[in-house]
Full PDB file with SEQRES, HELIX, SHEET, SSBOND, CRYST1, ORIGX, SCALE, CONECT and MASTER records, all heavy atoms in Angstrom:
SEQRES   1 A   40  ASP SER SER TRP LEU MET SER MET VAL VAL ALA ALA GLN          
SEQRES   2 A   40  PRO HIS PHE LYS ALA GLN THR ALA ASP GLU THR ILE PHE          
SEQRES   3 A   40  TRP GLY TYR ALA LEU HIS THR ASN LYS VAL GLY ASP TYR          
SEQRES   4 A   40  VAL                                                          
SHEET    1 AA1 2 MET A   6  VAL A   9  0                                        
SHEET    2 AA1 2 TRP A  27  ALA A  30 -1                                        
CRYST1    1.000    1.000    1.000  90.00  90.00  90.00 P 1           1          
ORIGX1      1.000000  0.000000  0.000000        0.00000                         
ORIGX2      0.000000  1.000000  0.000000        0.00000                         
ORIGX3      0.000000  0.000000  1.000000        0.00000                         
SCALE1      1.000000  0.000000  0.000000        0.00000                         
SCALE2      0.000000  1.000000  0.000000        0.00000                         
SCALE3      0.000000  0.000000  1.000000        0.00000                         
ATOM      1  N   ASP A   1       0.812  -1.216   0.000  1.00  0.00           N  
ATOM      2  CA  ASP A   1       0.000   0.000   0.000  1.00  0.00           C  
ATOM      3  C   ASP A   1       0.843   1.263   0.000  1.00  0.00           C  
ATOM      4  O   ASP A   1       0.296   2.369   0.040  1.00  0.00           O  
ATOM      5  CB  ASP A   1      -0.929   0.004   1.223  1.00  0.00           C  
ATOM      6  CG  ASP A   1      -1.893  -1.168   1.203  1.00  0.00           C  
ATOM      7  OD1 ASP A   1      -2.420  -1.461   0.108  1.00  0.00           O  
ATOM      8  OD2 ASP A   1      -2.114  -1.791   2.257  1.00  0.00           O  
ATOM      9  N   SER A   2       2.161   1.103  -0.039  1.00  0.00           N  
ATOM     10  CA  SER A   2       3.055   2.260  -0.108  1.00  0.00           C  
ATOM     11  C   SER A   2       2.838   2.994  -1.419  1.00  0.00           C  
ATOM     12  O   SER A   2       2.802   2.378  -2.489  1.00  0.00           O  
ATOM     13  CB  SER A   2       4.515   1.785  -0.006  1.00  0.00           C  
ATOM     14  OG  SER A   2       5.405   2.742  -0.513  1.00  0.00           O  
ATOM     15  N   SER A   3       2.709   4.321  -1.355  1.00  0.00           N  
ATOM     16  CA  SER A   3       2.526   5.088  -2.594  1.00  0.00           C  
ATOM     17  C   SER A   3       3.753   4.978  -3.486  1.00  0.00           C  
ATOM     18  O   SER A   3       3.652   5.093  -4.707  1.00  0.00           O  
ATOM     19  CB  SER A   3       2.237   6.557  -2.267  1.00  0.00           C  
ATOM     20  OG  SER A   3       3.310   7.145  -1.556  1.00  0.00           O  
ATOM     21  N   TRP A   4       4.918   4.747  -2.886  1.00  0.00           N  
ATOM     22  CA  TRP A   4       6.139   4.558  -3.674  1.00  0.00           C  
ATOM     23  C   TRP A   4       6.282   3.111  -4.151  1.00  0.00           C  
ATOM     24  O   TRP A   4       7.143   2.823  -4.971  1.00  0.00           O  
ATOM     25  CB  TRP A   4       7.380   4.888  -2.838  1.00  0.00           C  
ATOM     26  CG  TRP A   4       7.514   6.317  -2.406  1.00  0.00           C  
ATOM     27  CD1 TRP A   4       6.774   7.381  -2.818  1.00  0.00           C  
ATOM     28  CD2 TRP A   4       8.461   6.831  -1.460  1.00  0.00           C  
ATOM     29  NE1 TRP A   4       7.209   8.523  -2.193  1.00  0.00           N  
ATOM     30  CE2 TRP A   4       8.245   8.223  -1.360  1.00  0.00           C  
ATOM     31  CE3 TRP A   4       9.481   6.254  -0.704  1.00  0.00           C  
ATOM     32  CZ2 TRP A   4       9.007   9.042  -0.520  1.00  0.00           C  
ATOM     33  CZ3 TRP A   4      10.238   7.054   0.139  1.00  0.00           C  
ATOM     34  CH2 TRP A   4      10.005   8.436   0.233  1.00  0.00           C  
ATOM     35  N   LEU A   5       5.465   2.196  -3.619  1.00  0.00           N  
ATOM     36  CA  LEU A   5       5.634   0.742  -3.776  1.00  0.00           C  
ATOM     37  C   LEU A   5       7.057   0.353  -3.371  1.00  0.00           C  
ATOM     38  O   LEU A   5       7.875  -0.105  -4.164  1.00  0.00           O  
ATOM     39  CB  LEU A   5       5.327   0.261  -5.191  1.00  0.00           C  
ATOM     40  CG  LEU A   5       5.176  -1.258  -5.332  1.00  0.00           C  
ATOM     41  CD1 LEU A   5       4.146  -1.821  -4.367  1.00  0.00           C  
ATOM     42  CD2 LEU A   5       4.814  -1.656  -6.746  1.00  0.00           C  
ATOM     43  N   MET A   6       7.303   0.518  -2.088  1.00  0.00           N  
ATOM     44  CA  MET A   6       8.636   0.307  -1.511  1.00  0.00           C  
ATOM     45  C   MET A   6       8.820  -1.144  -1.080  1.00  0.00           C  
ATOM     46  O   MET A   6       7.902  -1.784  -0.564  1.00  0.00           O  
ATOM     47  CB  MET A   6       8.817   1.240  -0.310  1.00  0.00           C  
ATOM     48  CG  MET A   6      10.134   1.104   0.410  1.00  0.00           C  
ATOM     49  SD  MET A   6      10.216   2.150   1.899  1.00  0.00           S  
ATOM     50  CE  MET A   6      10.495   3.742   1.187  1.00  0.00           C  
ATOM     51  N   SER A   7      10.019  -1.661  -1.317  1.00  0.00           N  
ATOM     52  CA  SER A   7      10.409  -2.991  -0.862  1.00  0.00           C  
ATOM     53  C   SER A   7      11.778  -2.905  -0.200  1.00  0.00           C  
ATOM     54  O   SER A   7      12.548  -1.971  -0.455  1.00  0.00           O  
ATOM     55  CB  SER A   7      10.480  -3.985  -2.034  1.00  0.00           C  
ATOM     56  OG  SER A   7       9.251  -4.108  -2.702  1.00  0.00           O  
ATOM     57  N   MET A   8      12.091  -3.894   0.629  1.00  0.00           N  
ATOM     58  CA  MET A   8      13.407  -3.941   1.267  1.00  0.00           C  
ATOM     59  C   MET A   8      13.844  -5.389   1.402  1.00  0.00           C  
ATOM     60  O   MET A   8      13.032  -6.320   1.359  1.00  0.00           O  
ATOM     61  CB  MET A   8      13.372  -3.287   2.650  1.00  0.00           C  
ATOM     62  CG  MET A   8      12.449  -3.972   3.635  1.00  0.00           C  
ATOM     63  SD  MET A   8      12.661  -3.427   5.343  1.00  0.00           S  
ATOM     64  CE  MET A   8      14.285  -4.121   5.695  1.00  0.00           C  
ATOM     65  N   VAL A   9      15.164  -5.582   1.559  1.00  0.00           N  
ATOM     66  CA  VAL A   9      15.703  -6.921   1.769  1.00  0.00           C  
ATOM     67  C   VAL A   9      16.941  -6.819   2.655  1.00  0.00           C  
ATOM     68  O   VAL A   9      17.728  -5.875   2.533  1.00  0.00           O  
ATOM     69  CB  VAL A   9      16.048  -7.604   0.422  1.00  0.00           C  
ATOM     70  CG1 VAL A   9      17.120  -6.844  -0.335  1.00  0.00           C  
ATOM     71  CG2 VAL A   9      16.472  -9.051   0.627  1.00  0.00           C  
ATOM     72  N   VAL A  10      17.078  -7.772   3.557  1.00  0.00           N  
ATOM     73  CA  VAL A  10      18.227  -7.815   4.458  1.00  0.00           C  
ATOM     74  C   VAL A  10      19.072  -9.032   4.090  1.00  0.00           C  
ATOM     75  O   VAL A  10      18.617 -10.177   4.213  1.00  0.00           O  
ATOM     76  CB  VAL A  10      17.795  -7.901   5.932  1.00  0.00           C  
ATOM     77  CG1 VAL A  10      19.033  -7.938   6.836  1.00  0.00           C  
ATOM     78  CG2 VAL A  10      16.901  -6.723   6.302  1.00  0.00           C  
ATOM     79  N   ALA A  11      20.294  -8.792   3.614  1.00  0.00           N  
ATOM     80  CA  ALA A  11      21.207  -9.878   3.265  1.00  0.00           C  
ATOM     81  C   ALA A  11      21.902 -10.412   4.514  1.00  0.00           C  
ATOM     82  O   ALA A  11      21.873  -9.793   5.584  1.00  0.00           O  
ATOM     83  CB  ALA A  11      22.248  -9.378   2.268  1.00  0.00           C  
ATOM     84  N   ALA A  12      22.535 -11.562   4.358  1.00  0.00           N  
ATOM     85  CA  ALA A  12      23.369 -12.085   5.437  1.00  0.00           C  
ATOM     86  C   ALA A  12      24.486 -11.085   5.716  1.00  0.00           C  
ATOM     87  O   ALA A  12      24.993 -10.430   4.816  1.00  0.00           O  
ATOM     88  CB  ALA A  12      23.936 -13.443   5.053  1.00  0.00           C  
ATOM     89  N   GLN A  13      24.843 -10.975   6.967  1.00  0.00           N  
ATOM     90  CA  GLN A  13      25.882 -10.024   7.368  1.00  0.00           C  
ATOM     91  C   GLN A  13      27.197 -10.763   7.660  1.00  0.00           C  
ATOM     92  O   GLN A  13      27.170 -11.874   8.176  1.00  0.00           O  
ATOM     93  CB  GLN A  13      25.425  -9.260   8.616  1.00  0.00           C  
ATOM     94  CG  GLN A  13      24.092  -8.552   8.447  1.00  0.00           C  
ATOM     95  CD  GLN A  13      24.134  -7.399   7.467  1.00  0.00           C  
ATOM     96  OE1 GLN A  13      24.974  -6.509   7.581  1.00  0.00           O  
ATOM     97  NE2 GLN A  13      23.225  -7.417   6.495  1.00  0.00           N  
ATOM     98  N   PRO A  14      28.360 -10.167   7.308  1.00  0.00           N  
ATOM     99  CA  PRO A  14      28.525  -8.884   6.619  1.00  0.00           C  
ATOM    100  C   PRO A  14      28.236  -9.020   5.119  1.00  0.00           C  
ATOM    101  O   PRO A  14      28.469 -10.070   4.529  1.00  0.00           O  
ATOM    102  CB  PRO A  14      29.993  -8.552   6.859  1.00  0.00           C  
ATOM    103  CG  PRO A  14      30.664  -9.884   6.950  1.00  0.00           C  
ATOM    104  CD  PRO A  14      29.670 -10.788   7.626  1.00  0.00           C  
ATOM    105  N   HIS A  15      27.761  -7.928   4.523  1.00  0.00           N  
ATOM    106  CA  HIS A  15      27.468  -7.912   3.094  1.00  0.00           C  
ATOM    107  C   HIS A  15      28.634  -7.327   2.300  1.00  0.00           C  
ATOM    108  O   HIS A  15      28.709  -7.495   1.094  1.00  0.00           O  
ATOM    109  CB  HIS A  15      26.198  -7.106   2.850  1.00  0.00           C  
ATOM    110  CG  HIS A  15      25.597  -7.308   1.496  1.00  0.00           C  
ATOM    111  ND1 HIS A  15      25.389  -8.560   0.940  1.00  0.00           N  
ATOM    112  CD2 HIS A  15      25.156  -6.427   0.553  1.00  0.00           C  
ATOM    113  CE1 HIS A  15      24.853  -8.433  -0.258  1.00  0.00           C  
ATOM    114  NE2 HIS A  15      24.708  -7.151  -0.516  1.00  0.00           N  
ATOM    115  N   PHE A  16      29.523  -6.637   2.998  1.00  0.00           N  
ATOM    116  CA  PHE A  16      30.750  -6.087   2.417  1.00  0.00           C  
ATOM    117  C   PHE A  16      31.927  -6.565   3.266  1.00  0.00           C  
ATOM    118  O   PHE A  16      31.838  -6.618   4.495  1.00  0.00           O  
ATOM    119  CB  PHE A  16      30.730  -4.558   2.398  1.00  0.00           C  
ATOM    120  CG  PHE A  16      29.809  -3.959   1.381  1.00  0.00           C  
ATOM    121  CD1 PHE A  16      28.449  -3.867   1.621  1.00  0.00           C  
ATOM    122  CD2 PHE A  16      30.302  -3.479   0.176  1.00  0.00           C  
ATOM    123  CE1 PHE A  16      27.595  -3.316   0.684  1.00  0.00           C  
ATOM    124  CE2 PHE A  16      29.458  -2.925  -0.768  1.00  0.00           C  
ATOM    125  CZ  PHE A  16      28.101  -2.839  -0.506  1.00  0.00           C  
ATOM    126  N   LYS A  17      33.008  -6.882   2.602  1.00  0.00           N  
ATOM    127  CA  LYS A  17      34.183  -7.348   3.333  1.00  0.00           C  
ATOM    128  C   LYS A  17      34.724  -6.283   4.273  1.00  0.00           C  
ATOM    129  O   LYS A  17      35.306  -6.600   5.314  1.00  0.00           O  
ATOM    130  CB  LYS A  17      35.274  -7.776   2.349  1.00  0.00           C  
ATOM    131  CG  LYS A  17      34.896  -8.974   1.498  1.00  0.00           C  
ATOM    132  CD  LYS A  17      35.995  -9.339   0.512  1.00  0.00           C  
ATOM    133  CE  LYS A  17      35.577 -10.474  -0.403  1.00  0.00           C  
ATOM    134  NZ  LYS A  17      36.627 -10.845  -1.372  1.00  0.00           N  
ATOM    135  N   ALA A  18      34.541  -5.015   3.923  1.00  0.00           N  
ATOM    136  CA  ALA A  18      35.094  -3.928   4.721  1.00  0.00           C  
ATOM    137  C   ALA A  18      34.203  -3.526   5.889  1.00  0.00           C  
ATOM    138  O   ALA A  18      34.582  -2.656   6.682  1.00  0.00           O  
ATOM    139  CB  ALA A  18      35.359  -2.706   3.842  1.00  0.00           C  
ATOM    140  N   GLN A  19      33.033  -4.118   6.002  1.00  0.00           N  
ATOM    141  CA  GLN A  19      32.166  -3.814   7.135  1.00  0.00           C  
ATOM    142  C   GLN A  19      32.889  -4.097   8.442  1.00  0.00           C  
ATOM    143  O   GLN A  19      33.590  -5.115   8.568  1.00  0.00           O  
ATOM    144  CB  GLN A  19      30.913  -4.697   7.097  1.00  0.00           C  
ATOM    145  CG  GLN A  19      29.683  -4.068   6.482  1.00  0.00           C  
ATOM    146  CD  GLN A  19      28.520  -5.028   6.482  1.00  0.00           C  
ATOM    147  OE1 GLN A  19      28.276  -5.695   5.484  1.00  0.00           O  
ATOM    148  NE2 GLN A  19      27.815  -5.119   7.594  1.00  0.00           N  
ATOM    149  N   THR A  20      32.686  -3.236   9.421  1.00  0.00           N  
ATOM    150  CA  THR A  20      33.223  -3.529  10.748  1.00  0.00           C  
ATOM    151  C   THR A  20      32.281  -4.489  11.465  1.00  0.00           C  
ATOM    152  O   THR A  20      31.126  -4.683  11.056  1.00  0.00           O  
ATOM    153  CB  THR A  20      33.374  -2.243  11.568  1.00  0.00           C  
ATOM    154  OG1 THR A  20      32.069  -1.703  11.851  1.00  0.00           O  
ATOM    155  CG2 THR A  20      34.201  -1.194  10.825  1.00  0.00           C  
ATOM    156  N   ALA A  21      32.761  -5.069  12.551  1.00  0.00           N  
ATOM    157  CA  ALA A  21      31.951  -6.011  13.308  1.00  0.00           C  
ATOM    158  C   ALA A  21      30.734  -5.337  13.925  1.00  0.00           C  
ATOM    159  O   ALA A  21      29.758  -6.004  14.282  1.00  0.00           O  
ATOM    160  CB  ALA A  21      32.799  -6.669  14.391  1.00  0.00           C  
ATOM    161  N   ASP A  22      30.795  -4.015  14.039  1.00  0.00           N  
ATOM    162  CA  ASP A  22      29.712  -3.259  14.672  1.00  0.00           C  
ATOM    163  C   ASP A  22      28.852  -2.533  13.646  1.00  0.00           C  
ATOM    164  O   ASP A  22      28.209  -1.534  13.968  1.00  0.00           O  
ATOM    165  CB  ASP A  22      30.297  -2.249  15.677  1.00  0.00           C  
ATOM    166  CG  ASP A  22      29.218  -1.615  16.544  1.00  0.00           C  
ATOM    167  OD1 ASP A  22      28.316  -2.345  16.974  1.00  0.00           O  
ATOM    168  OD2 ASP A  22      29.266  -0.380  16.760  1.00  0.00           O  
ATOM    169  N   GLU A  23      28.824  -3.014  12.402  1.00  0.00           N  
ATOM    170  CA  GLU A  23      28.005  -2.376  11.377  1.00  0.00           C  
ATOM    171  C   GLU A  23      27.080  -3.395  10.714  1.00  0.00           C  
ATOM    172  O   GLU A  23      27.457  -4.558  10.537  1.00  0.00           O  
ATOM    173  CB  GLU A  23      28.882  -1.743  10.290  1.00  0.00           C  
ATOM    174  CG  GLU A  23      29.462  -0.396  10.677  1.00  0.00           C  
ATOM    175  CD  GLU A  23      30.175   0.257   9.507  1.00  0.00           C  
ATOM    176  OE1 GLU A  23      30.778  -0.468   8.697  1.00  0.00           O  
ATOM    177  OE2 GLU A  23      30.138   1.497   9.406  1.00  0.00           O  
ATOM    178  N   THR A  24      25.903  -2.930  10.352  1.00  0.00           N  
ATOM    179  CA  THR A  24      24.951  -3.750   9.610  1.00  0.00           C  
ATOM    180  C   THR A  24      24.415  -2.945   8.427  1.00  0.00           C  
ATOM    181  O   THR A  24      24.395  -1.713   8.459  1.00  0.00           O  
ATOM    182  CB  THR A  24      23.782  -4.208  10.497  1.00  0.00           C  
ATOM    183  OG1 THR A  24      23.239  -3.081  11.202  1.00  0.00           O  
ATOM    184  CG2 THR A  24      24.235  -5.251  11.490  1.00  0.00           C  
ATOM    185  N   ILE A  25      23.976  -3.679   7.397  1.00  0.00           N  
ATOM    186  CA  ILE A  25      23.587  -3.048   6.132  1.00  0.00           C  
ATOM    187  C   ILE A  25      22.327  -3.725   5.603  1.00  0.00           C  
ATOM    188  O   ILE A  25      22.170  -4.950   5.731  1.00  0.00           O  
ATOM    189  CB  ILE A  25      24.724  -3.182   5.087  1.00  0.00           C  
ATOM    190  CG1 ILE A  25      25.907  -2.295   5.464  1.00  0.00           C  
ATOM    191  CG2 ILE A  25      24.250  -2.823   3.677  1.00  0.00           C  
ATOM    192  CD1 ILE A  25      27.148  -2.575   4.646  1.00  0.00           C  
ATOM    193  N   PHE A  26      21.436  -2.940   5.038  1.00  0.00           N  
ATOM    194  CA  PHE A  26      20.348  -3.512   4.244  1.00  0.00           C  
ATOM    195  C   PHE A  26      20.032  -2.574   3.087  1.00  0.00           C  
ATOM    196  O   PHE A  26      20.509  -1.444   3.018  1.00  0.00           O  
ATOM    197  CB  PHE A  26      19.104  -3.828   5.090  1.00  0.00           C  
ATOM    198  CG  PHE A  26      18.393  -2.628   5.655  1.00  0.00           C  
ATOM    199  CD1 PHE A  26      17.354  -2.014   4.972  1.00  0.00           C  
ATOM    200  CD2 PHE A  26      18.763  -2.117   6.908  1.00  0.00           C  
ATOM    201  CE1 PHE A  26      16.692  -0.929   5.493  1.00  0.00           C  
ATOM    202  CE2 PHE A  26      18.103  -1.025   7.450  1.00  0.00           C  
ATOM    203  CZ  PHE A  26      17.065  -0.416   6.734  1.00  0.00           C  
ATOM    204  N   TRP A  27      19.182  -3.073   2.180  1.00  0.00           N  
ATOM    205  CA  TRP A  27      18.941  -2.402   0.903  1.00  0.00           C  
ATOM    206  C   TRP A  27      17.460  -2.357   0.619  1.00  0.00           C  
ATOM    207  O   TRP A  27      16.708  -3.240   1.036  1.00  0.00           O  
ATOM    208  CB  TRP A  27      19.678  -3.191  -0.188  1.00  0.00           C  
ATOM    209  CG  TRP A  27      19.483  -2.731  -1.608  1.00  0.00           C  
ATOM    210  CD1 TRP A  27      20.214  -1.788  -2.274  1.00  0.00           C  
ATOM    211  CD2 TRP A  27      18.521  -3.214  -2.541  1.00  0.00           C  
ATOM    212  NE1 TRP A  27      19.767  -1.657  -3.569  1.00  0.00           N  
ATOM    213  CE2 TRP A  27      18.723  -2.516  -3.761  1.00  0.00           C  
ATOM    214  CE3 TRP A  27      17.497  -4.159  -2.487  1.00  0.00           C  
ATOM    215  CZ2 TRP A  27      17.946  -2.749  -4.890  1.00  0.00           C  
ATOM    216  CZ3 TRP A  27      16.721  -4.391  -3.611  1.00  0.00           C  
ATOM    217  CH2 TRP A  27      16.961  -3.685  -4.798  1.00  0.00           C  
ATOM    218  N   GLY A  28      17.023  -1.330  -0.084  1.00  0.00           N  
ATOM    219  CA  GLY A  28      15.629  -1.251  -0.479  1.00  0.00           C  
ATOM    220  C   GLY A  28      15.481  -0.498  -1.788  1.00  0.00           C  
ATOM    221  O   GLY A  28      16.440   0.105  -2.287  1.00  0.00           O  
ATOM    222  N   TYR A  29      14.276  -0.552  -2.342  1.00  0.00           N  
ATOM    223  CA  TYR A  29      14.017   0.209  -3.568  1.00  0.00           C  
ATOM    224  C   TYR A  29      12.527   0.469  -3.687  1.00  0.00           C  
ATOM    225  O   TYR A  29      11.703  -0.121  -2.973  1.00  0.00           O  
ATOM    226  CB  TYR A  29      14.556  -0.532  -4.786  1.00  0.00           C  
ATOM    227  CG  TYR A  29      13.620  -1.493  -5.474  1.00  0.00           C  
ATOM    228  CD1 TYR A  29      13.079  -1.187  -6.727  1.00  0.00           C  
ATOM    229  CD2 TYR A  29      13.272  -2.721  -4.898  1.00  0.00           C  
ATOM    230  CE1 TYR A  29      12.233  -2.068  -7.387  1.00  0.00           C  
ATOM    231  CE2 TYR A  29      12.431  -3.610  -5.556  1.00  0.00           C  
ATOM    232  CZ  TYR A  29      11.913  -3.283  -6.790  1.00  0.00           C  
ATOM    233  OH  TYR A  29      11.080  -4.150  -7.446  1.00  0.00           O  
ATOM    234  N   ALA A  30      12.178   1.398  -4.594  1.00  0.00           N  
ATOM    235  CA  ALA A  30      10.771   1.682  -4.854  1.00  0.00           C  
ATOM    236  C   ALA A  30      10.594   1.987  -6.324  1.00  0.00           C  
ATOM    237  O   ALA A  30      11.479   2.543  -6.983  1.00  0.00           O  
ATOM    238  CB  ALA A  30      10.279   2.843  -3.994  1.00  0.00           C  
ATOM    239  N   LEU A  31       9.410   1.621  -6.837  1.00  0.00           N  
ATOM    240  CA  LEU A  31       9.152   1.705  -8.274  1.00  0.00           C  
ATOM    241  C   LEU A  31       8.478   3.008  -8.713  1.00  0.00           C  
ATOM    242  O   LEU A  31       8.523   3.358  -9.880  1.00  0.00           O  
ATOM    243  CB  LEU A  31       8.272   0.525  -8.700  1.00  0.00           C  
ATOM    244  CG  LEU A  31       8.983  -0.822  -8.852  1.00  0.00           C  
ATOM    245  CD1 LEU A  31       7.977  -1.955  -8.948  1.00  0.00           C  
ATOM    246  CD2 LEU A  31       9.893  -0.829 -10.070  1.00  0.00           C  
ATOM    247  N   HIS A  32       7.833   3.708  -7.772  1.00  0.00           N  
ATOM    248  CA  HIS A  32       7.071   4.907  -8.138  1.00  0.00           C  
ATOM    249  C   HIS A  32       7.734   6.145  -7.543  1.00  0.00           C  
ATOM    250  O   HIS A  32       7.266   6.694  -6.545  1.00  0.00           O  
ATOM    251  CB  HIS A  32       5.630   4.772  -7.660  1.00  0.00           C  
ATOM    252  CG  HIS A  32       4.911   3.593  -8.221  1.00  0.00           C  
ATOM    253  ND1 HIS A  32       3.839   2.978  -7.589  1.00  0.00           N  
ATOM    254  CD2 HIS A  32       5.114   2.883  -9.365  1.00  0.00           C  
ATOM    255  CE1 HIS A  32       3.416   1.962  -8.316  1.00  0.00           C  
ATOM    256  NE2 HIS A  32       4.178   1.881  -9.397  1.00  0.00           N  
ATOM    257  N   THR A  33       8.798   6.590  -8.175  1.00  0.00           N  
ATOM    258  CA  THR A  33       9.593   7.675  -7.595  1.00  0.00           C  
ATOM    259  C   THR A  33       8.951   9.049  -7.747  1.00  0.00           C  
ATOM    260  O   THR A  33       9.389  10.001  -7.113  1.00  0.00           O  
ATOM    261  CB  THR A  33      10.995   7.709  -8.224  1.00  0.00           C  
ATOM    262  OG1 THR A  33      10.895   8.112  -9.603  1.00  0.00           O  
ATOM    263  CG2 THR A  33      11.672   6.355  -8.145  1.00  0.00           C  
ATOM    264  N   ASN A  34       7.921   9.150  -8.580  1.00  0.00           N  
ATOM    265  CA  ASN A  34       7.259  10.435  -8.781  1.00  0.00           C  
ATOM    266  C   ASN A  34       6.094  10.658  -7.819  1.00  0.00           C  
ATOM    267  O   ASN A  34       5.504  11.737  -7.792  1.00  0.00           O  
ATOM    268  CB  ASN A  34       6.748  10.554 -10.226  1.00  0.00           C  
ATOM    269  CG  ASN A  34       5.725   9.477 -10.559  1.00  0.00           C  
ATOM    270  OD1 ASN A  34       5.763   8.376  -9.998  1.00  0.00           O  
ATOM    271  ND2 ASN A  34       4.819   9.775 -11.470  1.00  0.00           N  
ATOM    272  N   LYS A  35       5.758   9.632  -7.023  1.00  0.00           N  
ATOM    273  CA  LYS A  35       4.630   9.737  -6.102  1.00  0.00           C  
ATOM    274  C   LYS A  35       5.067  10.328  -4.758  1.00  0.00           C  
ATOM    275  O   LYS A  35       6.191  10.086  -4.293  1.00  0.00           O  
ATOM    276  CB  LYS A  35       4.021   8.353  -5.867  1.00  0.00           C  
ATOM    277  CG  LYS A  35       3.501   7.669  -7.134  1.00  0.00           C  
ATOM    278  CD  LYS A  35       2.267   8.365  -7.673  1.00  0.00           C  
ATOM    279  CE  LYS A  35       1.701   7.639  -8.885  1.00  0.00           C  
ATOM    280  NZ  LYS A  35       1.197   6.307  -8.576  1.00  0.00           N  
ATOM    281  N   VAL A  36       4.159  11.079  -4.133  1.00  0.00           N  
ATOM    282  CA  VAL A  36       4.407  11.656  -2.816  1.00  0.00           C  
ATOM    283  C   VAL A  36       4.319  10.553  -1.769  1.00  0.00           C  
ATOM    284  O   VAL A  36       3.421   9.690  -1.818  1.00  0.00           O  
ATOM    285  CB  VAL A  36       3.392  12.778  -2.514  1.00  0.00           C  
ATOM    286  CG1 VAL A  36       3.519  13.276  -1.087  1.00  0.00           C  
ATOM    287  CG2 VAL A  36       3.579  13.927  -3.503  1.00  0.00           C  
ATOM    288  N   GLY A  37       5.234  10.557  -0.802  1.00  0.00           N  
ATOM    289  CA  GLY A  37       5.269   9.527   0.222  1.00  0.00           C  
ATOM    290  C   GLY A  37       4.048   9.555   1.120  1.00  0.00           C  
ATOM    291  O   GLY A  37       3.336  10.561   1.212  1.00  0.00           O  
ATOM    292  N   ASP A  38       3.808   8.460   1.832  1.00  0.00           N  
ATOM    293  CA  ASP A  38       2.663   8.373   2.740  1.00  0.00           C  
ATOM    294  C   ASP A  38       2.929   9.105   4.050  1.00  0.00           C  
ATOM    295  O   ASP A  38       1.987   9.559   4.699  1.00  0.00           O  
ATOM    296  CB  ASP A  38       2.354   6.903   3.022  1.00  0.00           C  
ATOM    297  CG  ASP A  38       1.992   6.146   1.756  1.00  0.00           C  
ATOM    298  OD1 ASP A  38       0.929   6.443   1.181  1.00  0.00           O  
ATOM    299  OD2 ASP A  38       2.785   5.285   1.322  1.00  0.00           O  
ATOM    300  N   TYR A  39       4.188   9.234   4.431  1.00  0.00           N  
ATOM    301  CA  TYR A  39       4.550   9.904   5.679  1.00  0.00           C  
ATOM    302  C   TYR A  39       5.431  11.122   5.412  1.00  0.00           C  
ATOM    303  O   TYR A  39       5.212  12.197   5.957  1.00  0.00           O  
ATOM    304  CB  TYR A  39       5.251   8.914   6.611  1.00  0.00           C  
ATOM    305  CG  TYR A  39       4.395   7.720   6.930  1.00  0.00           C  
ATOM    306  CD1 TYR A  39       4.504   6.537   6.198  1.00  0.00           C  
ATOM    307  CD2 TYR A  39       3.449   7.777   7.942  1.00  0.00           C  
ATOM    308  CE1 TYR A  39       3.696   5.442   6.479  1.00  0.00           C  
ATOM    309  CE2 TYR A  39       2.629   6.693   8.238  1.00  0.00           C  
ATOM    310  CZ  TYR A  39       2.764   5.532   7.491  1.00  0.00           C  
ATOM    311  OH  TYR A  39       1.954   4.450   7.767  1.00  0.00           O  
ATOM    312  N   VAL A  40       6.431  10.946   4.552  1.00  0.00           N  
ATOM    313  CA  VAL A  40       7.253  12.063   4.101  1.00  0.00           C  
ATOM    314  C   VAL A  40       6.568  12.631   2.865  1.00  0.00           C  
ATOM    315  O   VAL A  40       6.532  11.986   1.826  1.00  0.00           O  
ATOM    316  CB  VAL A  40       8.695  11.622   3.780  1.00  0.00           C  
ATOM    317  CG1 VAL A  40       9.513  12.792   3.251  1.00  0.00           C  
ATOM    318  CG2 VAL A  40       9.356  11.010   5.012  1.00  0.00           C  
TER     319      VAL A  40                                                      
MASTER        0    0    0    0    2    0    0    6  318    1    0    4          
END                                                                             
C-alpha cells in the first residue's frame, strides 16, 4: 500500500568485506519515484 511501492531486503551479514563487526547493512528500492510519500 506504499505510494512509492517500496520494498526492502536484508542480506546475510557482513554484506561487504570492509564492514566492521559493529556495522549492519540492508537495501531497499521503490518503483514509483514520482509519487508523494505516505509519511514524508
